[in-house]
């Protein structure tokens, strides 16, 4: 896992925090521990990469309340819920609103580490996708309105002749616009341009 990814542990049980820190750090992952949801919020800022290992029951703000707060504030970070046997229904509820996994106490070390690694891989892929979309958005902003029209038609599979008729221009003019679109979008092929368009629209590719 990249060294910049951090596992944030939020648990009011000091012994549990110490145990989790030792376990996770023994695999080479970076760990930060917090005794309460508020302590975590006082330290965390949006954009820090990693995952959140979160106990359900804590004094003050509960784990589920912290998860809900992060969602409202659009602080996107994968959440793994740690739960006792009596809290399974809460953990299931947490997953329905975005948690990536829940682990029951007492947990198996390897199961927990596997869940953390999956969460960090998810985080890494999500951040790469956001960066890719931001890059594509910047390229799209360089297109003129007419070039954008041509790009949409191209990605819809229309021929130069069809585009020329729809736009009321010559096929030669369409070819010029297509070439500029491919250049500004830095697309290596039509398939590459289609993938960019799908990603910009938030579609799976």
N, C-alpha and C. Protein backbone atom coordinates (compact mmCIF):
# COMPACT_ATOMS: atom_id res chain seq x y z
N UNK A 1 0.84 -1.20 0.00
CA UNK A 1 0.00 0.00 0.00
C UNK A 1 0.88 1.26 0.00
N UNK A 2 0.47 2.30 -0.75
CA UNK A 2 1.26 3.53 -0.76
C UNK A 2 1.39 4.11 0.64
N UNK A 3 2.54 4.65 0.95
CA UNK A 3 2.82 5.12 2.30
C UNK A 3 1.95 6.29 2.71
N UNK A 4 1.37 7.04 1.76
CA UNK A 4 0.58 8.21 2.12
C UNK A 4 -0.81 7.84 2.62
N UNK A 5 -1.21 6.59 2.47
CA UNK A 5 -2.50 6.14 2.97
C UNK A 5 -2.42 5.87 4.46
N UNK A 6 -3.42 6.32 5.20
CA UNK A 6 -3.43 6.20 6.65
C UNK A 6 -4.68 5.47 7.11
N UNK A 7 -4.52 4.57 8.09
CA UNK A 7 -5.66 3.92 8.73
C UNK A 7 -5.98 4.73 9.98
N UNK A 8 -7.15 5.34 10.02
CA UNK A 8 -7.58 6.14 11.17
C UNK A 8 -8.44 5.25 12.07
N UNK A 9 -7.99 5.03 13.29
CA UNK A 9 -8.72 4.19 14.24
C UNK A 9 -9.41 5.09 15.26
N UNK A 10 -10.73 4.96 15.37
CA UNK A 10 -11.49 5.75 16.35
C UNK A 10 -12.21 4.77 17.28
N UNK A 11 -11.75 4.72 18.53
CA UNK A 11 -12.30 3.78 19.52
C UNK A 11 -12.04 4.36 20.91
N UNK A 12 -13.04 4.35 21.77
CA UNK A 12 -12.86 4.93 23.10
C UNK A 12 -12.11 4.01 24.06
N UNK A 13 -11.88 2.76 23.67
CA UNK A 13 -11.17 1.78 24.50
C UNK A 13 -9.67 1.90 24.23
N UNK A 14 -8.93 2.37 25.22
CA UNK A 14 -7.50 2.60 25.03
C UNK A 14 -6.76 1.32 24.69
N UNK A 15 -7.09 0.21 25.37
CA UNK A 15 -6.43 -1.06 25.10
C UNK A 15 -6.70 -1.52 23.67
N UNK A 16 -7.93 -1.31 23.20
CA UNK A 16 -8.28 -1.71 21.84
C UNK A 16 -7.52 -0.85 20.83
N UNK A 17 -7.41 0.45 21.10
CA UNK A 17 -6.66 1.32 20.20
C UNK A 17 -5.21 0.89 20.10
N UNK A 18 -4.61 0.59 21.24
CA UNK A 18 -3.21 0.18 21.25
C UNK A 18 -3.03 -1.13 20.51
N UNK A 19 -3.95 -2.07 20.72
CA UNK A 19 -3.86 -3.37 20.06
C UNK A 19 -4.00 -3.23 18.54
N UNK A 20 -4.97 -2.42 18.12
CA UNK A 20 -5.17 -2.22 16.69
C UNK A 20 -3.98 -1.50 16.06
N UNK A 21 -3.43 -0.54 16.76
CA UNK A 21 -2.27 0.18 16.23
C UNK A 21 -1.10 -0.77 16.04
N UNK A 22 -0.84 -1.60 17.05
CA UNK A 22 0.27 -2.56 16.94
C UNK A 22 0.06 -3.51 15.77
N UNK A 23 -1.16 -4.04 15.65
CA UNK A 23 -1.47 -5.00 14.58
C UNK A 23 -1.29 -4.38 13.21
N UNK A 24 -1.87 -3.20 13.01
CA UNK A 24 -1.84 -2.58 11.68
C UNK A 24 -0.44 -2.11 11.32
N UNK A 25 0.26 -1.51 12.29
CA UNK A 25 1.63 -1.05 12.02
C UNK A 25 2.58 -2.21 11.76
N UNK A 26 2.27 -3.39 12.30
CA UNK A 26 3.15 -4.55 12.08
C UNK A 26 3.18 -4.96 10.62
N UNK A 27 2.19 -4.52 9.83
CA UNK A 27 2.15 -4.84 8.40
C UNK A 27 2.76 -3.74 7.55
N UNK A 28 3.22 -2.66 8.21
CA UNK A 28 3.85 -1.55 7.49
C UNK A 28 2.90 -0.43 7.13
N UNK A 29 1.64 -0.54 7.54
CA UNK A 29 0.68 0.53 7.24
C UNK A 29 0.77 1.64 8.29
N UNK A 30 0.47 2.86 7.87
CA UNK A 30 0.48 4.01 8.77
C UNK A 30 -0.84 4.05 9.56
N UNK A 31 -0.74 4.37 10.84
CA UNK A 31 -1.92 4.39 11.71
C UNK A 31 -1.96 5.67 12.53
N UNK A 32 -3.17 6.21 12.71
CA UNK A 32 -3.42 7.27 13.67
C UNK A 32 -4.62 6.84 14.50
N UNK A 33 -4.54 7.00 15.84
CA UNK A 33 -5.64 6.59 16.70
C UNK A 33 -6.26 7.78 17.41
N UNK A 34 -7.56 7.67 17.66
CA UNK A 34 -8.32 8.73 18.33
C UNK A 34 -9.29 8.11 19.32
N UNK A 35 -9.44 8.76 20.48
CA UNK A 35 -10.28 8.21 21.53
C UNK A 35 -11.76 8.58 21.37
N UNK A 36 -12.08 9.47 20.44
CA UNK A 36 -13.46 9.88 20.24
C UNK A 36 -13.66 10.40 18.83
N UNK A 37 -14.92 10.46 18.43
CA UNK A 37 -15.26 10.99 17.12
C UNK A 37 -14.82 12.45 17.00
N UNK A 38 -15.04 13.21 18.07
CA UNK A 38 -14.68 14.62 18.04
C UNK A 38 -13.18 14.82 17.90
N UNK A 39 -12.40 13.97 18.60
CA UNK A 39 -10.94 14.07 18.50
C UNK A 39 -10.49 13.82 17.06
N UNK A 40 -11.15 12.87 16.41
CA UNK A 40 -10.83 12.59 15.00
C UNK A 40 -11.17 13.80 14.13
N UNK A 41 -12.37 14.37 14.33
CA UNK A 41 -12.79 15.51 13.52
C UNK A 41 -11.90 16.72 13.73
N UNK A 42 -11.39 16.88 14.95
CA UNK A 42 -10.51 18.01 15.25
C UNK A 42 -9.18 17.91 14.50
N UNK A 43 -8.81 16.69 14.12
CA UNK A 43 -7.52 16.47 13.47
C UNK A 43 -7.64 16.26 11.96
N UNK A 44 -8.74 15.62 11.54
CA UNK A 44 -8.88 15.22 10.14
C UNK A 44 -9.30 16.40 9.27
N UNK A 45 -8.81 16.42 8.05
CA UNK A 45 -9.27 17.41 7.07
C UNK A 45 -9.53 16.70 5.75
N UNK A 46 -10.53 17.14 5.00
CA UNK A 46 -10.87 16.50 3.73
C UNK A 46 -9.67 16.41 2.82
N UNK A 47 -9.54 15.29 2.17
CA UNK A 47 -8.43 15.09 1.25
C UNK A 47 -7.38 14.14 1.78
N UNK A 48 -7.35 13.93 3.10
CA UNK A 48 -6.39 12.97 3.65
C UNK A 48 -6.82 11.58 3.21
N UNK A 49 -5.90 10.86 2.64
CA UNK A 49 -6.21 9.56 2.05
C UNK A 49 -6.06 8.44 3.06
N UNK A 50 -6.98 7.49 3.00
CA UNK A 50 -6.88 6.34 3.88
C UNK A 50 -8.22 5.70 4.09
N UNK A 51 -8.40 5.05 5.24
CA UNK A 51 -9.69 4.48 5.61
C UNK A 51 -9.91 4.69 7.10
N UNK A 52 -11.16 4.58 7.51
CA UNK A 52 -11.56 4.86 8.88
C UNK A 52 -12.06 3.58 9.53
N UNK A 53 -11.40 3.16 10.61
CA UNK A 53 -11.80 2.00 11.39
C UNK A 53 -12.55 2.53 12.60
N UNK A 54 -13.85 2.28 12.67
CA UNK A 54 -14.72 3.04 13.54
C UNK A 54 -15.56 2.15 14.45
N UNK A 55 -15.45 2.36 15.77
CA UNK A 55 -16.26 1.64 16.73
C UNK A 55 -17.68 2.20 16.71
N UNK A 56 -18.68 1.32 16.87
CA UNK A 56 -20.07 1.77 16.83
C UNK A 56 -20.44 2.57 18.07
N UNK A 57 -20.16 1.99 19.25
CA UNK A 57 -20.61 2.61 20.50
C UNK A 57 -19.46 3.39 21.14
N UNK A 58 -19.65 4.70 21.23
CA UNK A 58 -18.67 5.55 21.90
C UNK A 58 -19.40 6.66 22.63
N UNK A 59 -18.84 7.18 23.72
CA UNK A 59 -19.45 8.32 24.40
C UNK A 59 -19.48 9.53 23.46
N UNK A 60 -20.47 10.39 23.66
CA UNK A 60 -20.59 11.55 22.78
C UNK A 60 -21.10 11.13 21.42
N UNK A 61 -20.44 11.55 20.39
CA UNK A 61 -20.84 11.18 19.04
C UNK A 61 -20.53 9.71 18.78
N UNK A 62 -21.54 8.92 18.39
CA UNK A 62 -21.32 7.50 18.12
C UNK A 62 -20.65 7.30 16.77
N UNK A 63 -20.24 6.08 16.52
CA UNK A 63 -19.63 5.78 15.24
C UNK A 63 -20.56 6.04 14.07
N UNK A 64 -21.84 5.67 14.22
CA UNK A 64 -22.80 5.89 13.15
C UNK A 64 -23.06 7.37 12.93
N UNK A 65 -23.06 8.14 14.02
CA UNK A 65 -23.25 9.59 13.90
C UNK A 65 -22.07 10.23 13.20
N UNK A 66 -20.86 9.74 13.49
CA UNK A 66 -19.68 10.26 12.81
C UNK A 66 -19.74 9.93 11.32
N UNK A 67 -20.13 8.70 11.00
CA UNK A 67 -20.26 8.31 9.60
C UNK A 67 -21.26 9.21 8.88
N UNK A 68 -22.40 9.47 9.53
CA UNK A 68 -23.43 10.32 8.93
C UNK A 68 -22.91 11.75 8.74
N UNK A 69 -22.16 12.25 9.70
CA UNK A 69 -21.60 13.60 9.61
C UNK A 69 -20.63 13.70 8.43
N UNK A 70 -19.76 12.72 8.31
CA UNK A 70 -18.80 12.73 7.20
C UNK A 70 -19.52 12.71 5.86
N UNK A 71 -20.59 11.94 5.77
CA UNK A 71 -21.36 11.87 4.53
C UNK A 71 -22.00 13.22 4.21
N UNK A 72 -22.59 13.86 5.23
CA UNK A 72 -23.23 15.16 5.01
C UNK A 72 -22.23 16.22 4.56
N UNK A 73 -21.03 16.16 5.14
CA UNK A 73 -20.01 17.15 4.80
C UNK A 73 -19.20 16.76 3.56
N UNK A 74 -19.60 15.66 2.95
CA UNK A 74 -18.92 15.14 1.75
C UNK A 74 -17.43 14.90 1.98
N UNK A 75 -17.10 14.43 3.18
CA UNK A 75 -15.74 13.99 3.49
C UNK A 75 -15.67 12.51 3.14
N UNK A 76 -15.23 12.23 1.93
CA UNK A 76 -15.29 10.86 1.43
C UNK A 76 -14.07 10.06 1.90
N UNK A 77 -14.36 9.03 2.70
CA UNK A 77 -13.31 8.13 3.15
C UNK A 77 -13.96 6.78 3.44
N UNK A 78 -13.37 5.67 3.01
CA UNK A 78 -13.97 4.36 3.28
C UNK A 78 -14.05 4.09 4.78
N UNK A 79 -15.20 3.59 5.23
CA UNK A 79 -15.44 3.33 6.64
C UNK A 79 -15.62 1.83 6.88
N UNK A 80 -14.87 1.31 7.87
CA UNK A 80 -15.05 -0.06 8.35
C UNK A 80 -15.59 0.04 9.77
N UNK A 81 -16.71 -0.59 10.02
CA UNK A 81 -17.33 -0.53 11.33
C UNK A 81 -16.86 -1.71 12.19
N UNK A 82 -16.45 -1.41 13.43
CA UNK A 82 -16.13 -2.45 14.41
C UNK A 82 -17.34 -2.57 15.33
N UNK A 83 -17.86 -3.77 15.48
CA UNK A 83 -19.09 -3.93 16.22
C UNK A 83 -19.06 -5.13 17.16
N UNK A 84 -19.76 -4.98 18.30
CA UNK A 84 -20.00 -6.11 19.18
C UNK A 84 -21.17 -6.92 18.65
N UNK A 85 -21.39 -8.11 19.22
CA UNK A 85 -22.46 -8.98 18.70
C UNK A 85 -23.83 -8.32 18.75
N UNK A 86 -24.06 -7.50 19.78
CA UNK A 86 -25.36 -6.86 19.90
C UNK A 86 -25.58 -5.70 18.96
N UNK A 87 -24.55 -5.34 18.22
CA UNK A 87 -24.64 -4.16 17.35
C UNK A 87 -24.67 -4.50 15.86
N UNK A 88 -24.88 -5.77 15.54
CA UNK A 88 -24.82 -6.18 14.14
C UNK A 88 -25.85 -5.44 13.29
N UNK A 89 -27.06 -5.26 13.83
CA UNK A 89 -28.09 -4.54 13.06
C UNK A 89 -27.65 -3.12 12.76
N UNK A 90 -26.93 -2.49 13.72
CA UNK A 90 -26.39 -1.15 13.48
C UNK A 90 -25.35 -1.17 12.38
N UNK A 91 -24.50 -2.20 12.40
CA UNK A 91 -23.45 -2.30 11.40
C UNK A 91 -24.04 -2.50 10.01
N UNK A 92 -25.08 -3.30 9.92
CA UNK A 92 -25.75 -3.50 8.63
C UNK A 92 -26.32 -2.18 8.14
N UNK A 93 -26.92 -1.41 9.05
CA UNK A 93 -27.45 -0.09 8.70
C UNK A 93 -26.33 0.81 8.19
N UNK A 94 -25.17 0.73 8.86
CA UNK A 94 -24.02 1.55 8.45
C UNK A 94 -23.58 1.19 7.03
N UNK A 95 -23.60 -0.10 6.70
CA UNK A 95 -23.20 -0.50 5.36
C UNK A 95 -24.19 -0.01 4.31
N UNK A 96 -25.45 0.03 4.68
CA UNK A 96 -26.46 0.50 3.73
C UNK A 96 -26.29 1.98 3.39
N UNK A 97 -25.64 2.72 4.28
CA UNK A 97 -25.42 4.14 4.00
C UNK A 97 -23.96 4.44 3.66
N UNK A 98 -23.22 3.38 3.29
CA UNK A 98 -21.90 3.64 2.73
C UNK A 98 -20.69 2.98 3.33
N UNK A 99 -20.81 2.35 4.51
CA UNK A 99 -19.65 1.66 5.07
C UNK A 99 -19.24 0.52 4.13
N UNK A 100 -17.94 0.26 4.02
CA UNK A 100 -17.47 -0.77 3.09
C UNK A 100 -17.45 -2.15 3.72
N UNK A 101 -17.48 -2.23 5.07
CA UNK A 101 -17.43 -3.53 5.73
C UNK A 101 -17.73 -3.34 7.21
N UNK A 102 -18.06 -4.43 7.89
CA UNK A 102 -18.12 -4.39 9.35
C UNK A 102 -17.48 -5.66 9.90
N UNK A 103 -16.79 -5.49 11.02
CA UNK A 103 -16.04 -6.57 11.66
C UNK A 103 -16.59 -6.75 13.06
N UNK A 104 -16.96 -8.00 13.40
CA UNK A 104 -17.47 -8.29 14.74
C UNK A 104 -16.35 -8.59 15.72
N UNK A 105 -16.52 -8.08 16.95
CA UNK A 105 -15.61 -8.43 18.04
C UNK A 105 -16.08 -9.75 18.65
N UNK A 106 -15.16 -10.60 19.10
CA UNK A 106 -13.71 -10.52 18.86
C UNK A 106 -13.42 -10.90 17.41
N UNK A 107 -12.54 -10.16 16.77
CA UNK A 107 -12.29 -10.37 15.35
C UNK A 107 -11.01 -11.14 15.12
N UNK A 108 -10.96 -11.75 13.95
CA UNK A 108 -9.75 -12.44 13.50
C UNK A 108 -8.81 -11.41 12.89
N UNK A 109 -7.55 -11.42 13.30
CA UNK A 109 -6.60 -10.42 12.84
C UNK A 109 -6.50 -10.37 11.32
N UNK A 110 -6.41 -11.54 10.70
CA UNK A 110 -6.25 -11.59 9.25
C UNK A 110 -7.50 -11.08 8.53
N UNK A 111 -8.67 -11.38 9.11
CA UNK A 111 -9.91 -10.87 8.52
C UNK A 111 -9.93 -9.35 8.55
N UNK A 112 -9.52 -8.79 9.67
CA UNK A 112 -9.49 -7.33 9.80
C UNK A 112 -8.49 -6.71 8.83
N UNK A 113 -7.31 -7.27 8.76
CA UNK A 113 -6.28 -6.73 7.86
C UNK A 113 -6.72 -6.84 6.40
N UNK A 114 -7.38 -7.94 6.07
CA UNK A 114 -7.89 -8.11 4.70
C UNK A 114 -8.91 -7.02 4.38
N UNK A 115 -9.79 -6.73 5.34
CA UNK A 115 -10.80 -5.69 5.15
C UNK A 115 -10.15 -4.33 4.98
N UNK A 116 -9.13 -4.05 5.79
CA UNK A 116 -8.43 -2.76 5.70
C UNK A 116 -7.75 -2.61 4.35
N UNK A 117 -7.08 -3.66 3.91
CA UNK A 117 -6.39 -3.59 2.60
C UNK A 117 -7.39 -3.35 1.48
N UNK A 118 -8.54 -4.03 1.54
CA UNK A 118 -9.57 -3.81 0.52
C UNK A 118 -10.06 -2.37 0.53
N UNK A 119 -10.25 -1.82 1.74
CA UNK A 119 -10.72 -0.44 1.86
C UNK A 119 -9.70 0.54 1.29
N UNK A 120 -8.42 0.29 1.54
CA UNK A 120 -7.39 1.18 1.03
C UNK A 120 -7.26 1.07 -0.49
N UNK A 121 -7.42 -0.15 -1.02
CA UNK A 121 -7.42 -0.30 -2.48
C UNK A 121 -8.60 0.45 -3.09
N UNK A 122 -9.75 0.36 -2.44
CA UNK A 122 -10.93 1.10 -2.90
C UNK A 122 -10.66 2.60 -2.89
N UNK A 123 -10.05 3.07 -1.82
CA UNK A 123 -9.72 4.49 -1.70
C UNK A 123 -8.77 4.93 -2.81
N UNK A 124 -7.77 4.12 -3.06
CA UNK A 124 -6.79 4.47 -4.09
C UNK A 124 -7.44 4.55 -5.47
N UNK A 125 -8.27 3.55 -5.79
CA UNK A 125 -8.94 3.55 -7.09
C UNK A 125 -9.90 4.73 -7.23
N UNK A 126 -10.61 5.04 -6.14
CA UNK A 126 -11.55 6.15 -6.16
C UNK A 126 -10.83 7.46 -6.41
N UNK A 127 -9.71 7.65 -5.73
CA UNK A 127 -8.95 8.89 -5.91
C UNK A 127 -8.37 9.00 -7.31
N UNK A 128 -7.92 7.88 -7.86
CA UNK A 128 -7.41 7.89 -9.23
C UNK A 128 -8.52 8.27 -10.20
N UNK A 129 -9.72 7.74 -9.95
CA UNK A 129 -10.86 8.04 -10.83
C UNK A 129 -11.23 9.52 -10.74
N UNK A 130 -11.23 10.08 -9.54
CA UNK A 130 -11.54 11.50 -9.39
C UNK A 130 -10.52 12.36 -10.11
N UNK A 131 -9.24 11.99 -9.97
CA UNK A 131 -8.19 12.76 -10.64
C UNK A 131 -8.33 12.67 -12.15
N UNK A 132 -8.70 11.47 -12.64
CA UNK A 132 -8.88 11.28 -14.08
C UNK A 132 -10.05 12.13 -14.58
N UNK A 133 -11.16 12.14 -13.82
CA UNK A 133 -12.32 12.93 -14.23
C UNK A 133 -12.00 14.42 -14.22
N UNK A 134 -11.23 14.86 -13.24
CA UNK A 134 -10.86 16.27 -13.17
C UNK A 134 -10.00 16.65 -14.37
N UNK A 135 -9.11 15.75 -14.78
CA UNK A 135 -8.24 16.00 -15.93
C UNK A 135 -9.07 16.09 -17.21
N UNK A 136 -10.04 15.18 -17.35
CA UNK A 136 -10.89 15.20 -18.53
C UNK A 136 -11.74 16.46 -18.56
N UNK A 137 -12.25 16.88 -17.39
CA UNK A 137 -13.05 18.10 -17.32
C UNK A 137 -12.24 19.31 -17.77
N UNK A 138 -10.97 19.33 -17.41
CA UNK A 138 -10.11 20.44 -17.81
C UNK A 138 -9.91 20.44 -19.32
N UNK A 139 -9.79 19.27 -19.91
CA UNK A 139 -9.64 19.18 -21.37
C UNK A 139 -10.93 19.61 -22.06
N UNK A 140 -12.06 19.18 -21.52
CA UNK A 140 -13.35 19.55 -22.12
C UNK A 140 -13.53 21.07 -22.10
N UNK A 141 -13.04 21.71 -21.07
CA UNK A 141 -13.18 23.16 -20.95
C UNK A 141 -12.43 23.91 -22.04
N UNK A 142 -11.46 23.23 -22.67
CA UNK A 142 -10.69 23.85 -23.74
C UNK A 142 -11.44 23.84 -25.07
N UNK A 143 -12.49 23.03 -25.19
CA UNK A 143 -13.23 22.91 -26.44
C UNK A 143 -14.15 24.11 -26.64
N UNK A 144 -14.31 24.53 -27.87
CA UNK A 144 -15.32 25.53 -28.19
C UNK A 144 -16.69 24.84 -28.18
N UNK A 145 -17.79 25.61 -28.10
CA UNK A 145 -19.12 24.98 -28.15
C UNK A 145 -19.31 24.10 -29.38
N UNK A 146 -18.82 24.53 -30.53
CA UNK A 146 -18.98 23.74 -31.75
C UNK A 146 -18.13 22.46 -31.67
N UNK A 147 -16.92 22.58 -31.16
CA UNK A 147 -16.08 21.39 -31.01
C UNK A 147 -16.71 20.39 -30.05
N UNK A 148 -17.35 20.90 -29.00
CA UNK A 148 -18.02 19.99 -28.06
C UNK A 148 -19.18 19.28 -28.75
N UNK A 149 -19.94 20.01 -29.58
CA UNK A 149 -21.02 19.39 -30.35
C UNK A 149 -20.48 18.26 -31.22
N UNK A 150 -19.38 18.55 -31.88
CA UNK A 150 -18.77 17.54 -32.76
C UNK A 150 -18.32 16.34 -31.94
N UNK A 151 -17.71 16.58 -30.79
CA UNK A 151 -17.24 15.47 -29.96
C UNK A 151 -18.40 14.56 -29.57
N UNK A 152 -19.52 15.15 -29.14
CA UNK A 152 -20.68 14.35 -28.74
C UNK A 152 -21.17 13.51 -29.91
N UNK A 153 -21.24 14.11 -31.08
CA UNK A 153 -21.69 13.37 -32.26
C UNK A 153 -20.73 12.25 -32.62
N UNK A 154 -19.44 12.54 -32.50
CA UNK A 154 -18.43 11.52 -32.79
C UNK A 154 -18.59 10.33 -31.85
N UNK A 155 -18.75 10.62 -30.56
CA UNK A 155 -18.87 9.53 -29.57
C UNK A 155 -20.20 8.79 -29.71
N UNK A 156 -21.18 9.41 -30.39
CA UNK A 156 -22.44 8.72 -30.67
C UNK A 156 -22.37 7.88 -31.93
N UNK A 157 -21.21 7.94 -32.61
CA UNK A 157 -21.01 7.11 -33.79
C UNK A 157 -21.47 7.70 -35.10
N UNK A 158 -21.74 9.01 -35.11
CA UNK A 158 -22.20 9.63 -36.35
C UNK A 158 -21.04 9.82 -37.33
N UNK A 159 -21.36 9.70 -38.60
CA UNK A 159 -20.35 9.88 -39.65
C UNK A 159 -20.13 11.36 -39.90
N UNK A 160 -19.02 11.67 -40.61
CA UNK A 160 -18.75 13.06 -40.97
C UNK A 160 -19.90 13.66 -41.79
N UNK A 161 -20.45 12.85 -42.68
CA UNK A 161 -21.55 13.32 -43.54
C UNK A 161 -22.78 13.66 -42.68
N UNK A 162 -23.09 12.79 -41.71
CA UNK A 162 -24.24 13.03 -40.83
C UNK A 162 -24.02 14.28 -39.98
N UNK A 163 -22.81 14.44 -39.49
CA UNK A 163 -22.51 15.61 -38.67
C UNK A 163 -22.58 16.88 -39.50
N UNK A 164 -22.07 16.84 -40.69
CA UNK A 164 -22.09 18.01 -41.57
C UNK A 164 -23.53 18.45 -41.84
N UNK A 165 -24.41 17.48 -42.10
CA UNK A 165 -25.82 17.79 -42.37
C UNK A 165 -26.49 18.37 -41.13
N UNK A 166 -26.19 17.79 -39.96
CA UNK A 166 -26.81 18.25 -38.72
C UNK A 166 -26.36 19.65 -38.33
N UNK A 167 -25.11 19.97 -38.64
CA UNK A 167 -24.54 21.24 -38.23
C UNK A 167 -24.62 22.32 -39.32
N UNK A 168 -24.98 21.90 -40.54
CA UNK A 168 -25.08 22.84 -41.64
C UNK A 168 -23.73 23.35 -42.11
N UNK A 169 -22.72 22.49 -42.06
CA UNK A 169 -21.37 22.85 -42.51
C UNK A 169 -20.88 21.77 -43.47
N UNK A 170 -19.72 22.01 -44.06
CA UNK A 170 -19.17 21.03 -45.00
C UNK A 170 -18.49 19.89 -44.25
N UNK A 171 -18.35 18.77 -44.95
CA UNK A 171 -17.66 17.62 -44.37
C UNK A 171 -16.21 17.98 -44.04
N UNK A 172 -15.61 18.84 -44.84
CA UNK A 172 -14.24 19.27 -44.60
C UNK A 172 -14.15 20.02 -43.27
N UNK A 173 -15.13 20.88 -43.01
CA UNK A 173 -15.15 21.63 -41.75
C UNK A 173 -15.29 20.68 -40.57
N UNK A 174 -16.12 19.66 -40.73
CA UNK A 174 -16.29 18.66 -39.68
C UNK A 174 -14.96 17.96 -39.41
N UNK A 175 -14.23 17.62 -40.45
CA UNK A 175 -12.92 16.96 -40.29
C UNK A 175 -11.97 17.84 -39.49
N UNK A 176 -12.00 19.16 -39.76
CA UNK A 176 -11.14 20.09 -39.02
C UNK A 176 -11.52 20.10 -37.54
N UNK A 177 -12.84 20.16 -37.28
CA UNK A 177 -13.30 20.16 -35.89
C UNK A 177 -12.92 18.85 -35.19
N UNK A 178 -13.08 17.73 -35.88
CA UNK A 178 -12.72 16.43 -35.29
C UNK A 178 -11.25 16.39 -34.91
N UNK A 179 -10.42 16.89 -35.80
CA UNK A 179 -8.98 16.87 -35.55
C UNK A 179 -8.64 17.73 -34.33
N UNK A 180 -9.31 18.89 -34.22
CA UNK A 180 -9.07 19.76 -33.07
C UNK A 180 -9.54 19.11 -31.77
N UNK A 181 -10.68 18.42 -31.84
CA UNK A 181 -11.20 17.71 -30.66
C UNK A 181 -10.21 16.65 -30.20
N UNK A 182 -9.73 15.85 -31.13
CA UNK A 182 -8.78 14.79 -30.78
C UNK A 182 -7.50 15.37 -30.19
N UNK A 183 -7.09 16.52 -30.73
CA UNK A 183 -5.86 17.16 -30.26
C UNK A 183 -6.05 17.74 -28.85
N UNK A 184 -7.14 18.50 -28.66
CA UNK A 184 -7.37 19.13 -27.36
C UNK A 184 -7.67 18.12 -26.27
N UNK A 185 -8.35 17.03 -26.62
CA UNK A 185 -8.66 16.00 -25.63
C UNK A 185 -7.49 15.04 -25.43
N UNK A 186 -6.47 15.19 -26.30
CA UNK A 186 -5.30 14.32 -26.24
C UNK A 186 -5.72 12.86 -26.31
N UNK A 187 -6.63 12.58 -27.23
CA UNK A 187 -7.14 11.22 -27.44
C UNK A 187 -6.32 10.52 -28.52
N UNK A 188 -5.90 9.31 -28.23
CA UNK A 188 -5.09 8.55 -29.17
C UNK A 188 -5.93 7.87 -30.25
N UNK A 189 -7.21 7.68 -29.96
CA UNK A 189 -8.08 6.98 -30.90
C UNK A 189 -9.53 7.35 -30.60
N UNK A 190 -10.44 6.93 -31.48
CA UNK A 190 -11.85 7.16 -31.24
C UNK A 190 -12.30 6.44 -29.97
N UNK A 191 -11.80 5.23 -29.78
CA UNK A 191 -12.16 4.46 -28.58
C UNK A 191 -11.72 5.20 -27.32
N UNK A 192 -10.55 5.83 -27.38
CA UNK A 192 -10.04 6.60 -26.25
C UNK A 192 -10.96 7.78 -25.96
N UNK A 193 -11.43 8.44 -27.01
CA UNK A 193 -12.33 9.58 -26.85
C UNK A 193 -13.66 9.14 -26.24
N UNK A 194 -14.17 8.00 -26.68
CA UNK A 194 -15.43 7.46 -26.14
C UNK A 194 -15.28 7.16 -24.66
N UNK A 195 -14.15 6.57 -24.27
CA UNK A 195 -13.91 6.26 -22.86
C UNK A 195 -13.89 7.54 -22.02
N UNK A 196 -13.25 8.59 -22.55
CA UNK A 196 -13.21 9.87 -21.84
C UNK A 196 -14.61 10.43 -21.66
N UNK A 197 -15.41 10.37 -22.71
CA UNK A 197 -16.78 10.89 -22.63
C UNK A 197 -17.58 10.12 -21.60
N UNK A 198 -17.46 8.81 -21.57
CA UNK A 198 -18.18 7.98 -20.61
C UNK A 198 -17.75 8.30 -19.19
N UNK A 199 -16.45 8.47 -19.00
CA UNK A 199 -15.93 8.77 -17.66
C UNK A 199 -16.40 10.15 -17.19
N UNK A 200 -16.41 11.12 -18.10
CA UNK A 200 -16.87 12.46 -17.76
C UNK A 200 -18.34 12.45 -17.37
N UNK A 201 -19.11 11.55 -17.94
CA UNK A 201 -20.54 11.44 -17.63
C UNK A 201 -20.80 10.57 -16.40
N UNK A 202 -19.72 10.02 -15.82
CA UNK A 202 -19.87 9.18 -14.64
C UNK A 202 -20.34 7.78 -14.95
N UNK A 203 -20.16 7.34 -16.20
CA UNK A 203 -20.57 6.00 -16.59
C UNK A 203 -19.42 5.03 -16.39
N UNK A 204 -19.76 3.77 -16.12
CA UNK A 204 -18.75 2.73 -15.95
C UNK A 204 -18.08 2.45 -17.28
N UNK A 205 -16.77 2.18 -17.23
CA UNK A 205 -16.04 1.85 -18.45
C UNK A 205 -15.21 0.60 -18.23
